PDB file of N, CA and C in Angstrom:
ATOM      1  N   MET A   1       3.124   5.736 -14.797  1.00  0.00           N
ATOM      2  CA  MET A   1       4.108   4.730 -14.062  1.00  0.00           C
ATOM      3  C   MET A   1       3.761   5.637 -12.302  1.00  0.00           C
ATOM      4  N   HIS A   2       3.859   5.068 -11.548  1.00  0.00           N
ATOM      5  CA  HIS A   2       3.922   5.593 -10.048  1.00  0.00           C
ATOM      6  C   HIS A   2       4.599   6.372  -9.458  1.00  0.00           C
ATOM      7  N   ASN A   3       5.086   7.265  -8.897  1.00  0.00           N
ATOM      8  CA  ASN A   3       6.315   7.983  -8.217  1.00  0.00           C
ATOM      9  C   ASN A   3       6.486   7.712  -7.147  1.00  0.00           C
ATOM     10  N   ASP A   4       5.695   7.149  -6.269  1.00  0.00           N
ATOM     11  CA  ASP A   4       5.212   6.970  -4.645  1.00  0.00           C
ATOM     12  C   ASP A   4       6.222   5.960  -4.242  1.00  0.00           C
ATOM     13  N   ASN A   5       6.447   4.546  -5.169  1.00  0.00           N
ATOM     14  CA  ASN A   5       7.283   3.480  -5.025  1.00  0.00           C
ATOM     15  C   ASN A   5       7.930   2.898  -6.003  1.00  0.00           C
ATOM     16  N   HIS A   6       9.463   3.225  -5.945  1.00  0.00           N
ATOM     17  CA  HIS A   6      10.168   2.637  -7.529  1.00  0.00           C
ATOM     18  C   HIS A   6      10.142   1.389  -7.580  1.00  0.00           C
ATOM     19  N   LEU A   7      10.166   0.324  -6.276  1.00  0.00           N
ATOM     20  CA  LEU A   7       9.915  -0.843  -6.853  1.00  0.00           C
ATOM     21  C   LEU A   7       8.477  -1.197  -7.008  1.00  0.00           C
ATOM     22  N   LYS A   8       7.611  -0.972  -6.797  1.00  0.00           N
ATOM     23  CA  LYS A   8       6.053  -0.932  -7.439  1.00  0.00           C
ATOM     24  C   LYS A   8       6.208  -0.367  -9.024  1.00  0.00           C
ATOM     25  N   ASP A   9       6.849   0.522  -9.273  1.00  0.00           N
ATOM     26  CA  ASP A   9       7.146   1.268 -10.662  1.00  0.00           C
ATOM     27  C   ASP A   9       7.842  -0.398 -11.470  1.00  0.00           C
ATOM     28  N   ALA A  10       8.767  -0.846 -10.903  1.00  0.00           N
ATOM     29  CA  ALA A  10       9.513  -1.637 -11.331  1.00  0.00           C
ATOM     30  C   ALA A  10       8.718  -3.126 -11.646  1.00  0.00           C
ATOM     31  N   ALA A  11       7.809  -3.588 -10.563  1.00  0.00           N
ATOM     32  CA  ALA A  11       6.978  -4.461 -10.206  1.00  0.00           C
ATOM     33  C   ALA A  11       6.096  -4.191 -11.621  1.00  0.00           C
ATOM     34  N   LEU A  12       5.407  -3.336 -12.165  1.00  0.00           N
ATOM     35  CA  LEU A  12       4.424  -2.643 -12.701  1.00  0.00           C
ATOM     36  C   LEU A  12       4.950  -2.713 -14.291  1.00  0.00           C
ATOM     37  N   ALA A  13       6.667  -2.436 -14.255  1.00  0.00           N
ATOM     38  CA  ALA A  13       6.656  -2.435 -15.658  1.00  0.00           C
ATOM     39  C   ALA A  13       7.355  -3.926 -16.084  1.00  0.00           C
ATOM     40  N   TYR A  14       7.789  -4.874 -15.271  1.00  0.00           N
ATOM     41  CA  TYR A  14       7.967  -6.057 -15.287  1.00  0.00           C
ATOM     42  C   TYR A  14       6.331  -6.584 -16.222  1.00  0.00           C
ATOM     43  N   ALA A  15       5.380  -6.681 -15.321  1.00  0.00           N
ATOM     44  CA  ALA A  15       4.304  -7.017 -15.762  1.00  0.00           C
ATOM     45  C   ALA A  15       3.775  -6.723 -16.979  1.00  0.00           C
ATOM     46  N   GLN A  16       3.918  -5.232 -17.451  1.00  0.00           N
ATOM     47  CA  GLN A  16       3.758  -4.787 -18.678  1.00  0.00           C
ATOM     48  C   GLN A  16       4.865  -5.677 -19.924  1.00  0.00           C
ATOM     49  N   ARG A  17       5.689  -5.940 -19.441  1.00  0.00           N
ATOM     50  CA  ARG A  17       6.717  -7.089 -20.509  1.00  0.00           C
ATOM     51  C   ARG A  17       6.064  -8.262 -20.391  1.00  0.00           C
ATOM     52  N   GLY A  18       5.258  -8.732 -19.766  1.00  0.00           N
ATOM     53  CA  GLY A  18       4.732  -9.844 -19.621  1.00  0.00           C
ATOM     54  C   GLY A  18       5.430 -11.007 -18.702  1.00  0.00           C
ATOM     55  N   TRP A  19       6.317 -10.321 -17.833  1.00  0.00           N
ATOM     56  CA  TRP A  19       6.754 -11.449 -16.741  1.00  0.00           C
ATOM     57  C   TRP A  19       5.606 -10.787 -15.406  1.00  0.00           C
ATOM     58  N   PRO A  20       5.050 -11.966 -15.023  1.00  0.00           N
ATOM     59  CA  PRO A  20       4.320 -12.122 -13.818  1.00  0.00           C
ATOM     60  C   PRO A  20       5.095 -11.870 -12.892  1.00  0.00           C
ATOM     61  N   VAL A  21       4.820 -11.219 -11.718  1.00  0.00           N
ATOM     62  CA  VAL A  21       5.601 -10.755 -10.293  1.00  0.00           C
ATOM     63  C   VAL A  21       4.793 -10.978  -9.200  1.00  0.00           C
ATOM     64  N   PHE A  22       5.574 -11.376  -7.876  1.00  0.00           N
ATOM     65  CA  PHE A  22       5.115 -11.539  -7.003  1.00  0.00           C
ATOM     66  C   PHE A  22       5.961 -11.031  -5.660  1.00  0.00           C
ATOM     67  N   PRO A  23       5.903 -10.273  -4.545  1.00  0.00           N
ATOM     68  CA  PRO A  23       6.315 -10.071  -3.698  1.00  0.00           C
ATOM     69  C   PRO A  23       7.138 -10.678  -2.759  1.00  0.00           C
ATOM     70  N   LEU A  24       8.522 -10.391  -2.468  1.00  0.00           N
ATOM     71  CA  LEU A  24       8.992 -11.242  -1.522  1.00  0.00           C
ATOM     72  C   LEU A  24       9.820 -10.382  -0.326  1.00  0.00           C
ATOM     73  N   LYS A  25      10.198 -11.114   0.959  1.00  0.00           N
ATOM     74  CA  LYS A  25      10.975 -10.723   1.790  1.00  0.00           C
ATOM     75  C   LYS A  25      11.979 -11.087   1.652  1.00  0.00           C
ATOM     76  N   GLY A  26      13.266 -10.444   0.960  1.00  0.00           N
ATOM     77  CA  GLY A  26      14.495 -11.292   1.472  1.00  0.00           C
ATOM     78  C   GLY A  26      14.193 -12.591  -0.061  1.00  0.00           C
ATOM     79  N   LYS A  27      14.266 -13.748   0.058  1.00  0.00           N
ATOM     80  CA  LYS A  27      13.934 -14.824  -0.848  1.00  0.00           C
ATOM     81  C   LYS A  27      12.498 -15.352  -0.299  1.00  0.00           C
ATOM     82  N   GLU A  28      11.618 -14.890   0.466  1.00  0.00           N
ATOM     83  CA  GLU A  28      10.424 -15.551   1.089  1.00  0.00           C
ATOM     84  C   GLU A  28       9.410 -14.908   0.277  1.00  0.00           C
ATOM     85  N   PRO A  29       8.465 -15.716  -0.239  1.00  0.00           N
ATOM     86  CA  PRO A  29       7.003 -15.023  -0.916  1.00  0.00           C
ATOM     87  C   PRO A  29       6.269 -14.355   0.441  1.00  0.00           C
ATOM     88  N   LEU A  30       5.733 -13.266  -0.071  1.00  0.00           N
ATOM     89  CA  LEU A  30       4.873 -12.419   0.921  1.00  0.00           C
ATOM     90  C   LEU A  30       3.311 -13.099   0.981  1.00  0.00           C
ATOM     91  N   THR A  31       3.266 -13.682  -0.102  1.00  0.00           N
ATOM     92  CA  THR A  31       1.767 -14.050  -0.612  1.00  0.00           C
ATOM     93  C   THR A  31       1.449 -15.390  -0.219  1.00  0.00           C
ATOM     94  N   PRO A  32       0.386 -15.681   0.034  1.00  0.00           N
ATOM     95  CA  PRO A  32      -0.092 -17.134   0.714  1.00  0.00           C
ATOM     96  C   PRO A  32       0.340 -18.557  -0.161  1.00  0.00           C
ATOM     97  N   HIS A  33       0.733 -18.092  -1.335  1.00  0.00           N
ATOM     98  CA  HIS A  33       0.735 -19.378  -2.807  1.00  0.00           C
ATOM     99  C   HIS A  33       2.098 -19.160  -3.154  1.00  0.00           C
ATOM    100  N   GLY A  34       3.022 -18.146  -2.763  1.00  0.00           N
ATOM    101  CA  GLY A  34       4.473 -17.721  -3.462  1.00  0.00           C
ATOM    102  C   GLY A  34       4.248 -17.381  -5.145  1.00  0.00           C
ATOM    103  N   PHE A  35       4.877 -18.090  -5.741  1.00  0.00           N
ATOM    104  CA  PHE A  35       5.192 -17.501  -7.159  1.00  0.00           C
ATOM    105  C   PHE A  35       3.874 -18.063  -7.823  1.00  0.00           C
ATOM    106  N   LYS A  36       2.851 -19.151  -7.150  1.00  0.00           N
ATOM    107  CA  LYS A  36       1.540 -19.174  -7.880  1.00  0.00           C
ATOM    108  C   LYS A  36       0.595 -18.244  -7.862  1.00  0.00           C
ATOM    109  N   ASP A  37       1.104 -16.829  -6.959  1.00  0.00           N
ATOM    110  CA  ASP A  37       0.126 -15.902  -6.869  1.00  0.00           C
ATOM    111  C   ASP A  37       0.904 -14.894  -8.041  1.00  0.00           C
ATOM    112  N   ALA A  38       1.664 -15.056  -8.825  1.00  0.00           N
ATOM    113  CA  ALA A  38       2.399 -13.955  -9.582  1.00  0.00           C
ATOM    114  C   ALA A  38       1.125 -13.742 -10.559  1.00  0.00           C
ATOM    115  N   SER A  39       1.153 -12.362 -10.489  1.00  0.00           N
ATOM    116  CA  SER A  39       0.273 -11.666 -11.585  1.00  0.00           C
ATOM    117  C   SER A  39       0.795 -10.898 -12.984  1.00  0.00           C
ATOM    118  N   LEU A  40       0.030 -10.457 -13.753  1.00  0.00           N
ATOM    119  CA  LEU A  40       0.209  -9.613 -14.745  1.00  0.00           C
ATOM    120  C   LEU A  40      -0.266  -8.292 -14.449  1.00  0.00           C
ATOM    121  N   LEU A  41      -1.532  -8.290 -13.371  1.00  0.00           N
ATOM    122  CA  LEU A  41      -2.666  -7.205 -13.557  1.00  0.00           C
ATOM    123  C   LEU A  41      -2.343  -6.091 -12.483  1.00  0.00           C
ATOM    124  N   GLU A  42      -2.536  -4.836 -12.663  1.00  0.00           N
ATOM    125  CA  GLU A  42      -1.928  -3.693 -12.080  1.00  0.00           C
ATOM    126  C   GLU A  42      -2.453  -3.858 -10.752  1.00  0.00           C
ATOM    127  N   GLU A  43      -3.927  -4.352 -10.549  1.00  0.00           N
ATOM    128  CA  GLU A  43      -4.392  -4.097  -9.138  1.00  0.00           C
ATOM    129  C   GLU A  43      -4.052  -4.802  -8.089  1.00  0.00           C
ATOM    130  N   PRO A  44      -3.754  -6.095  -8.236  1.00  0.00           N
ATOM    131  CA  PRO A  44      -2.807  -6.784  -7.103  1.00  0.00           C
ATOM    132  C   PRO A  44      -1.537  -6.477  -7.143  1.00  0.00           C
ATOM    133  N   ILE A  45      -0.672  -6.237  -8.147  1.00  0.00           N
ATOM    134  CA  ILE A  45       0.431  -5.618  -8.019  1.00  0.00           C
ATOM    135  C   ILE A  45       0.563  -4.285  -7.369  1.00  0.00           C
ATOM    136  N   HIS A  46      -0.156  -3.122  -7.520  1.00  0.00           N
ATOM    137  CA  HIS A  46      -0.401  -2.034  -6.713  1.00  0.00           C
ATOM    138  C   HIS A  46      -0.781  -2.237  -5.308  1.00  0.00           C
ATOM    139  N   THR A  47      -1.695  -3.232  -5.126  1.00  0.00           N
ATOM    140  CA  THR A  47      -2.125  -3.568  -3.646  1.00  0.00           C
ATOM    141  C   THR A  47      -0.956  -4.308  -2.940  1.00  0.00           C
ATOM    142  N   TRP A  48      -0.259  -5.226  -3.460  1.00  0.00           N
ATOM    143  CA  TRP A  48       0.816  -5.672  -2.850  1.00  0.00           C
ATOM    144  C   TRP A  48       2.237  -4.799  -2.731  1.00  0.00           C
ATOM    145  N   TRP A  49       2.702  -4.069  -3.301  1.00  0.00           N
ATOM    146  CA  TRP A  49       3.498  -2.910  -3.169  1.00  0.00           C
ATOM    147  C   TRP A  49       3.073  -1.887  -2.511  1.00  0.00           C
ATOM    148  N   THR A  50       1.877  -1.768  -2.450  1.00  0.00           N
ATOM    149  CA  THR A  50       1.284  -0.755  -1.314  1.00  0.00           C
ATOM    150  C   THR A  50       1.314  -1.154   0.286  1.00  0.00           C
ATOM    151  N   GLN A  51       0.948  -2.550   0.278  1.00  0.00           N
ATOM    152  CA  GLN A  51       0.978  -3.433   1.772  1.00  0.00           C
ATOM    153  C   GLN A  51       2.669  -3.559   2.292  1.00  0.00           C
ATOM    154  N   TRP A  52       3.399  -3.631   0.916  1.00  0.00           N
ATOM    155  CA  TRP A  52       5.081  -3.989   1.284  1.00  0.00           C
ATOM    156  C   TRP A  52       5.619  -3.230   0.167  1.00  0.00           C
ATOM    157  N   PRO A  53       6.014  -2.118   0.705  1.00  0.00           N
ATOM    158  CA  PRO A  53       6.628  -1.034  -0.294  1.00  0.00           C
ATOM    159  C   PRO A  53       8.022  -1.314  -0.277  1.00  0.00           C
ATOM    160  N   GLU A  54       8.708  -2.210   0.551  1.00  0.00           N
ATOM    161  CA  GLU A  54       9.967  -2.439   0.241  1.00  0.00           C
ATOM    162  C   GLU A  54      10.106  -3.828  -0.218  1.00  0.00           C
ATOM    163  N   ALA A  55       9.244  -4.523  -0.612  1.00  0.00           N
ATOM    164  CA  ALA A  55       9.274  -6.039  -1.010  1.00  0.00           C
ATOM    165  C   ALA A  55      10.094  -5.921  -2.321  1.00  0.00           C
ATOM    166  N   ASN A  56      10.908  -6.791  -2.260  1.00  0.00           N
ATOM    167  CA  ASN A  56      11.740  -7.496  -3.620  1.00  0.00           C
ATOM    168  C   ASN A  56      10.597  -7.991  -4.414  1.00  0.00           C
ATOM    169  N   ILE A  57      11.435  -8.138  -5.734  1.00  0.00           N
ATOM    170  CA  ILE A  57      10.088  -8.566  -6.740  1.00  0.00           C
ATOM    171  C   ILE A  57      10.549  -9.982  -7.274  1.00  0.00           C
ATOM    172  N   GLY A  58       9.513 -10.771  -7.131  1.00  0.00           N
ATOM    173  CA  GLY A  58       9.969 -12.337  -7.546  1.00  0.00           C
ATOM    174  C   GLY A  58       9.382 -12.353  -9.279  1.00  0.00           C
ATOM    175  N   ILE A  59       9.899 -13.141  -9.880  1.00  0.00           N
ATOM    176  CA  ILE A  59       9.350 -13.606 -11.199  1.00  0.00           C
ATOM    177  C   ILE A  59       9.511 -15.172 -11.447  1.00  0.00           C
ATOM    178  N   PRO A  60       8.499 -15.696 -11.579  1.00  0.00           N
ATOM    179  CA  PRO A  60       8.562 -17.069 -11.796  1.00  0.00           C
ATOM    180  C   PRO A  60       9.398 -17.362 -12.933  1.00  0.00           C
ATOM    181  N   THR A  61      10.161 -18.186 -12.990  1.00  0.00           N
ATOM    182  CA  THR A  61      10.587 -18.710 -14.470  1.00  0.00           C
ATOM    183  C   THR A  61      10.119 -20.114 -14.847  1.00  0.00           C
ATOM    184  N   GLY A  62      10.592 -20.426 -15.895  1.00  0.00           N
ATOM    185  CA  GLY A  62      10.310 -21.679 -16.631  1.00  0.00           C
ATOM    186  C   GLY A  62       9.527 -21.723 -17.704  1.00  0.00           C
ATOM    187  N   ALA A  63       8.940 -22.527 -18.171  1.00  0.00           N
ATOM    188  CA  ALA A  63       8.289 -22.319 -19.656  1.00  0.00           C
ATOM    189  C   ALA A  63       7.099 -21.607 -19.627  1.00  0.00           C
ATOM    190  N   GLY A  64       6.127 -21.502 -18.395  1.00  0.00           N
ATOM    191  CA  GLY A  64       5.216 -20.374 -18.434  1.00  0.00           C
ATOM    192  C   GLY A  64       5.786 -19.089 -18.798  1.00  0.00           C
ATOM    193  N   VAL A  65       6.761 -18.773 -18.062  1.00  0.00           N
ATOM    194  CA  VAL A  65       7.156 -17.247 -18.634  1.00  0.00           C
ATOM    195  C   VAL A  65       8.260 -17.012 -19.805  1.00  0.00           C
ATOM    196  N   GLY A  66       8.887 -18.242 -20.157  1.00  0.00           N
ATOM    197  CA  GLY A  66       9.645 -18.181 -21.465  1.00  0.00           C
ATOM    198  C   GLY A  66      11.280 -18.165 -21.188  1.00  0.00           C
ATOM    199  N   PHE A  67      11.699 -17.940 -20.125  1.00  0.00           N
ATOM    200  CA  PHE A  67      12.596 -18.081 -19.715  1.00  0.00           C
ATOM    201  C   PHE A  67      13.195 -18.650 -18.195  1.00  0.00           C
ATOM    202  N   ASP A  68      14.610 -18.985 -18.311  1.00  0.00           N
ATOM    203  CA  ASP A  68      14.936 -19.429 -16.843  1.00  0.00           C
ATOM    204  C   ASP A  68      15.833 -18.945 -16.425  1.00  0.00           C
ATOM    205  N   ALA A  69      16.162 -19.099 -15.225  1.00  0.00           N
ATOM    206  CA  ALA A  69      17.139 -18.512 -14.363  1.00  0.00           C
ATOM    207  C   ALA A  69      18.155 -19.396 -13.711  1.00  0.00           C
ATOM    208  N   LEU A  70      19.565 -19.050 -13.618  1.00  0.00           N
ATOM    209  CA  LEU A  70      20.412 -19.898 -13.023  1.00  0.00           C
ATOM    210  C   LEU A  70      21.415 -19.172 -11.991  1.00  0.00           C
ATOM    211  N   ASP A  71      21.102 -19.703 -10.888  1.00  0.00           N
ATOM    212  CA  ASP A  71      21.740 -19.024  -9.659  1.00  0.00           C
ATOM    213  C   ASP A  71      22.917 -19.545  -9.504  1.00  0.00           C
ATOM    214  N   ILE A  72      24.310 -18.730  -9.420  1.00  0.00           N
ATOM    215  CA  ILE A  72      25.540 -19.304  -9.248  1.00  0.00           C
ATOM    216  C   ILE A  72      25.778 -18.973  -7.790  1.00  0.00           C
ATOM    217  N   ASP A  73      26.331 -19.904  -7.018  1.00  0.00           N
ATOM    218  CA  ASP A  73      26.950 -19.607  -5.508  1.00  0.00           C
ATOM    219  C   ASP A  73      28.221 -19.615  -5.845  1.00  0.00           C
ATOM    220  N   GLY A  74      28.955 -18.506  -5.755  1.00  0.00           N
ATOM    221  CA  GLY A  74      30.386 -18.409  -6.086  1.00  0.00           C
ATOM    222  C   GLY A  74      31.026 -19.105  -4.845  1.00  0.00           C
ATOM    223  N   ARG A  75      30.413 -19.095  -3.386  1.00  0.00           N
ATOM    224  CA  ARG A  75      31.189 -19.277  -2.499  1.00  0.00           C
ATOM    225  C   ARG A  75      31.110 -20.718  -2.411  1.00  0.00           C
ATOM    226  N   HIS A  76      30.325 -21.681  -3.269  1.00  0.00           N
ATOM    227  CA  HIS A  76      30.087 -23.182  -3.057  1.00  0.00           C
ATOM    228  C   HIS A  76      30.727 -23.876  -4.366  1.00  0.00           C
ATOM    229  N   GLY A  77      31.552 -23.327  -4.861  1.00  0.00           N
ATOM    230  CA  GLY A  77      32.033 -23.866  -6.383  1.00  0.00           C
ATOM    231  C   GLY A  77      31.216 -23.594  -7.633  1.00  0.00           C
ATOM    232  N   GLY A  78      30.248 -22.842  -7.302  1.00  0.00           N
ATOM    233  CA  GLY A  78      29.469 -22.599  -8.657  1.00  0.00           C
ATOM    234  C   GLY A  78      29.850 -22.113  -9.913  1.00  0.00           C
ATOM    235  N   GLU A  79      31.107 -21.381  -9.495  1.00  0.00           N
ATOM    236  CA  GLU A  79      31.707 -20.755 -10.964  1.00  0.00           C
ATOM    237  C   GLU A  79      32.193 -21.847 -11.859  1.00  0.00           C
ATOM    238  N   GLU A  80      32.944 -23.078 -10.865  1.00  0.00           N
ATOM    239  CA  GLU A  80      33.685 -24.037 -11.484  1.00  0.00           C
ATOM    240  C   GLU A  80      32.557 -25.028 -12.238  1.00  0.00           C
ATOM    241  N   THR A  81      31.518 -25.247 -11.119  1.00  0.00           N
ATOM    242  CA  THR A  81      30.119 -25.932 -11.993  1.00  0.00           C
ATOM    243  C   THR A  81      29.662 -25.564 -12.993  1.00  0.00           C
ATOM    244  N   LEU A  82      29.531 -24.114 -13.337  1.00  0.00           N
ATOM    245  CA  LEU A  82      29.079 -23.664 -14.434  1.00  0.00           C
ATOM    246  C   LEU A  82      30.248 -23.744 -15.475  1.00  0.00           C
ATOM    247  N   GLU A  83      31.456 -23.679 -15.536  1.00  0.00           N
ATOM    248  CA  GLU A  83      32.032 -23.588 -16.330  1.00  0.00           C
ATOM    249  C   GLU A  83      32.176 -25.229 -17.046  1.00  0.00           C
ATOM    250  N   GLU A  84      32.308 -25.888 -15.838  1.00  0.00           N
ATOM    251  CA  GLU A  84      32.127 -27.376 -16.485  1.00  0.00           C
ATOM    252  C   GLU A  84      31.141 -27.629 -17.271  1.00  0.00           C
ATOM    253  N   TRP A  85      29.917 -26.852 -16.811  1.00  0.00           N
ATOM    254  CA  TRP A  85      28.612 -27.278 -17.588  1.00  0.00           C
ATOM    255  C   TRP A  85      28.880 -26.625 -19.145  1.00  0.00           C
ATOM    256  N   ILE A  86      29.182 -25.576 -19.105  1.00  0.00           N
ATOM    257  CA  ILE A  86      29.376 -25.167 -20.288  1.00  0.00           C
ATOM    258  C   ILE A  86      30.720 -25.744 -21.171  1.00  0.00           C
ATOM    259  N   GLN A  87      31.414 -26.289 -20.406  1.00  0.00           N
ATOM    260  CA  GLN A  87      32.453 -27.111 -21.244  1.00  0.00           C
ATOM    261  C   GLN A  87      31.857 -28.460 -21.912  1.00  0.00           C
ATOM    262  N   GLU A  88      30.952 -28.859 -21.340  1.00  0.00           N
ATOM    263  CA  GLU A  88      29.883 -30.085 -21.505  1.00  0.00           C
ATOM    264  C   GLU A  88      28.970 -29.935 -22.700  1.00  0.00           C
ATOM    265  N   HIS A  89      28.146 -28.843 -22.267  1.00  0.00           N
ATOM    266  CA  HIS A  89      27.199 -28.722 -23.036  1.00  0.00           C
ATOM    267  C   HIS A  89      27.447 -27.646 -24.168  1.00  0.00           C
ATOM    268  N   GLY A  90      28.030 -26.514 -23.942  1.00  0.00           N
ATOM    269  CA  GLY A  90      28.301 -25.448 -24.852  1.00  0.00           C
ATOM    270  C   GLY A  90      27.425 -24.226 -24.241  1.00  0.00           C
TER     271      GLY A  90
END
């Protein structure tokens, strides 16, 4: 692991787990093709987090990665919607 940047270290650790990563500024991708640029390779990950050391870490979700993500927006009724969905689908 590299000690110069904890975000780079985390991105590399995720890639070692088999989760492709890509850099974000907030929620906006910093690479030309966004999540399609996600990589498991150390070289691009090292380059990205050297260029953008404060970049957030994006991980594409879905069948290609093997897990999904659910974003619950509590400010807009998301918790209630989630509860309804759980009651309906288990």
